[in-house]
Amino acid sequence: MNLILHALVILAMVPFCIASTSNAIMYRMYITNGIEDNIEVHVFGKDQDYQGQRTLAFNEEFDYKIRVKVGTISRVEISLKFKDVIG
């Protein structure tokens, strides 16, 4: 229950820049573990696995890039797992 009181803080900053290819925008995503327990992060899209599954310790950061063509819809899923604490 104590884990629920500590908010899971994920910082996702999306500064973007124009990519080298025409009609595309490059997004750089950041995930930071803001809780004391380790979390497992798996980021994947429809056609791509962004560097597989990672385990982040407290205050550890993971970043990845996504290229999106202008005028299209992209979907990226982030899967988070952390141990269940009873107490």
C-alpha atoms as a PDB file:
ATOM      1  CA  MET A   1       0.000   0.000   0.000  1.00  0.00           C
ATOM      2  CA  ASN A   2       2.955   2.274   0.664  1.00  0.00           C
ATOM      3  CA  LEU A   3       3.911   1.947  -2.997  1.00  0.00           C
ATOM      4  CA  ILE A   4       0.514   3.335  -4.007  1.00  0.00           C
ATOM      5  CA  LEU A   5       1.110   6.413  -1.853  1.00  0.00           C
ATOM      6  CA  HIS A   6       4.370   7.082  -3.672  1.00  0.00           C
ATOM      7  CA  ALA A   7       3.357   8.361  -7.067  1.00  0.00           C
ATOM      8  CA  LEU A   8       4.901   6.664 -10.064  1.00  0.00           C
ATOM      9  CA  VAL A   9       6.655   9.526 -11.752  1.00  0.00           C
ATOM     10  CA  ILE A  10       7.405   9.145 -15.408  1.00  0.00           C
ATOM     11  CA  LEU A  11       8.742  12.200 -17.091  1.00  0.00           C
ATOM     12  CA  ALA A  12       7.976  12.249 -20.759  1.00  0.00           C
ATOM     13  CA  MET A  13       9.428  15.285 -22.404  1.00  0.00           C
ATOM     14  CA  VAL A  14       8.799  15.524 -26.068  1.00  0.00           C
ATOM     15  CA  PRO A  15      11.073  18.092 -27.596  1.00  0.00           C
ATOM     16  CA  PHE A  16      10.937  17.654 -31.319  1.00  0.00           C
ATOM     17  CA  CYS A  17      13.102  18.625 -34.199  1.00  0.00           C
ATOM     18  CA  ILE A  18      12.761  18.336 -37.913  1.00  0.00           C
ATOM     19  CA  ALA A  19      14.235  15.073 -39.124  1.00  0.00           C
ATOM     20  CA  SER A  20      16.520  14.765 -42.083  1.00  0.00           C
ATOM     21  CA  THR A  21      13.854  13.140 -44.252  1.00  0.00           C
ATOM     22  CA  SER A  22      11.114  15.261 -45.726  1.00  0.00           C
ATOM     23  CA  ASN A  23       7.671  15.285 -44.098  1.00  0.00           C
ATOM     24  CA  ALA A  24       8.894  13.653 -40.890  1.00  0.00           C
ATOM     25  CA  ILE A  25       9.278  14.813 -37.298  1.00  0.00           C
ATOM     26  CA  MET A  26      11.691  13.201 -34.831  1.00  0.00           C
ATOM     27  CA  TYR A  27      10.444  12.848 -31.251  1.00  0.00           C
ATOM     28  CA  ARG A  28      12.809  12.008 -28.414  1.00  0.00           C
ATOM     29  CA  MET A  29      11.050  10.437 -25.417  1.00  0.00           C
ATOM     30  CA  TYR A  30      12.453  10.197 -21.886  1.00  0.00           C
ATOM     31  CA  ILE A  31      11.286   7.818 -19.153  1.00  0.00           C
ATOM     32  CA  THR A  32      12.640   8.366 -15.634  1.00  0.00           C
ATOM     33  CA  ASN A  33      11.956   6.055 -12.678  1.00  0.00           C
ATOM     34  CA  GLY A  34      10.770   8.282  -9.843  1.00  0.00           C
ATOM     35  CA  ILE A  35       9.942   5.535  -7.338  1.00  0.00           C
ATOM     36  CA  GLU A  36      12.374   3.672  -5.105  1.00  0.00           C
ATOM     37  CA  ASP A  37      11.681   0.210  -6.557  1.00  0.00           C
ATOM     38  CA  ASN A  38      13.037  -0.995  -9.875  1.00  0.00           C
ATOM     39  CA  ILE A  39      10.597  -0.967 -12.778  1.00  0.00           C
ATOM     40  CA  GLU A  40      10.673  -2.872 -16.047  1.00  0.00           C
ATOM     41  CA  VAL A  41      10.003  -0.752 -19.125  1.00  0.00           C
ATOM     42  CA  HIS A  42       9.188  -2.089 -22.580  1.00  0.00           C
ATOM     43  CA  VAL A  43       8.523   0.430 -25.338  1.00  0.00           C
ATOM     44  CA  PHE A  44       7.185  -0.821 -28.657  1.00  0.00           C
ATOM     45  CA  GLY A  45       5.212   0.392 -31.625  1.00  0.00           C
ATOM     46  CA  LYS A  46       3.237  -1.245 -34.390  1.00  0.00           C
ATOM     47  CA  ASP A  47       6.271  -2.123 -36.490  1.00  0.00           C
ATOM     48  CA  GLN A  48       9.225  -1.555 -34.163  1.00  0.00           C
ATOM     49  CA  ASP A  49      10.579  -2.609 -30.777  1.00  0.00           C
ATOM     50  CA  TYR A  50      12.448   0.342 -29.245  1.00  0.00           C
ATOM     51  CA  GLN A  51      15.533  -1.307 -27.649  1.00  0.00           C
ATOM     52  CA  GLY A  52      13.610  -4.123 -25.981  1.00  0.00           C
ATOM     53  CA  GLN A  53      12.819  -4.478 -22.293  1.00  0.00           C
ATOM     54  CA  ARG A  54      14.859  -2.470 -19.770  1.00  0.00           C
ATOM     55  CA  THR A  55      14.992  -2.438 -15.971  1.00  0.00           C
ATOM     56  CA  LEU A  56      15.301   1.052 -14.473  1.00  0.00           C
ATOM     57  CA  ALA A  57      16.616   1.655 -10.976  1.00  0.00           C
ATOM     58  CA  PHE A  58      15.594   4.679  -8.887  1.00  0.00           C
ATOM     59  CA  ASN A  59      16.312   7.948 -10.810  1.00  0.00           C
ATOM     60  CA  GLU A  60      17.625   6.026 -13.827  1.00  0.00           C
ATOM     61  CA  GLU A  61      16.595   7.340 -17.240  1.00  0.00           C
ATOM     62  CA  PHE A  62      15.816   5.660 -20.559  1.00  0.00           C
ATOM     63  CA  ASP A  63      15.397   7.553 -23.810  1.00  0.00           C
ATOM     64  CA  TYR A  64      14.499   6.602 -27.355  1.00  0.00           C
ATOM     65  CA  LYS A  65      13.642   8.295 -30.648  1.00  0.00           C
ATOM     66  CA  ILE A  66      10.535   8.009 -32.784  1.00  0.00           C
ATOM     67  CA  ARG A  67      10.242   9.252 -36.377  1.00  0.00           C
ATOM     68  CA  VAL A  68       6.695  10.200 -37.397  1.00  0.00           C
ATOM     69  CA  LYS A  69       5.647  11.202 -40.890  1.00  0.00           C
ATOM     70  CA  VAL A  70       3.517  14.338 -41.034  1.00  0.00           C
ATOM     71  CA  GLY A  71      -0.140  13.526 -41.660  1.00  0.00           C
ATOM     72  CA  THR A  72      -0.009  10.005 -40.224  1.00  0.00           C
ATOM     73  CA  ILE A  73      -1.060   8.557 -36.896  1.00  0.00           C
ATOM     74  CA  SER A  74       1.546   6.657 -34.884  1.00  0.00           C
ATOM     75  CA  ARG A  75       0.992   4.514 -31.835  1.00  0.00           C
ATOM     76  CA  VAL A  76       3.643   3.734 -29.241  1.00  0.00           C
ATOM     77  CA  GLU A  77       2.905   1.572 -26.212  1.00  0.00           C
ATOM     78  CA  ILE A  78       4.835   1.629 -22.953  1.00  0.00           C
ATOM     79  CA  SER A  79       4.552  -1.410 -20.716  1.00  0.00           C
ATOM     80  CA  LEU A  80       5.539  -0.923 -17.054  1.00  0.00           C
ATOM     81  CA  LYS A  81       5.986  -3.690 -14.490  1.00  0.00           C
ATOM     82  CA  PHE A  82       6.947  -3.347 -10.854  1.00  0.00           C
ATOM     83  CA  LYS A  83       6.806  -5.738  -7.966  1.00  0.00           C
ATOM     84  CA  ASP A  84       3.671  -5.866  -5.856  1.00  0.00           C
ATOM     85  CA  VAL A  85       4.447  -4.771  -2.296  1.00  0.00           C
ATOM     86  CA  ILE A  86       2.101  -5.825   0.509  1.00  0.00           C
ATOM     87  CA  GLY A  87       2.565  -4.171   3.837  1.00  0.00           C
END
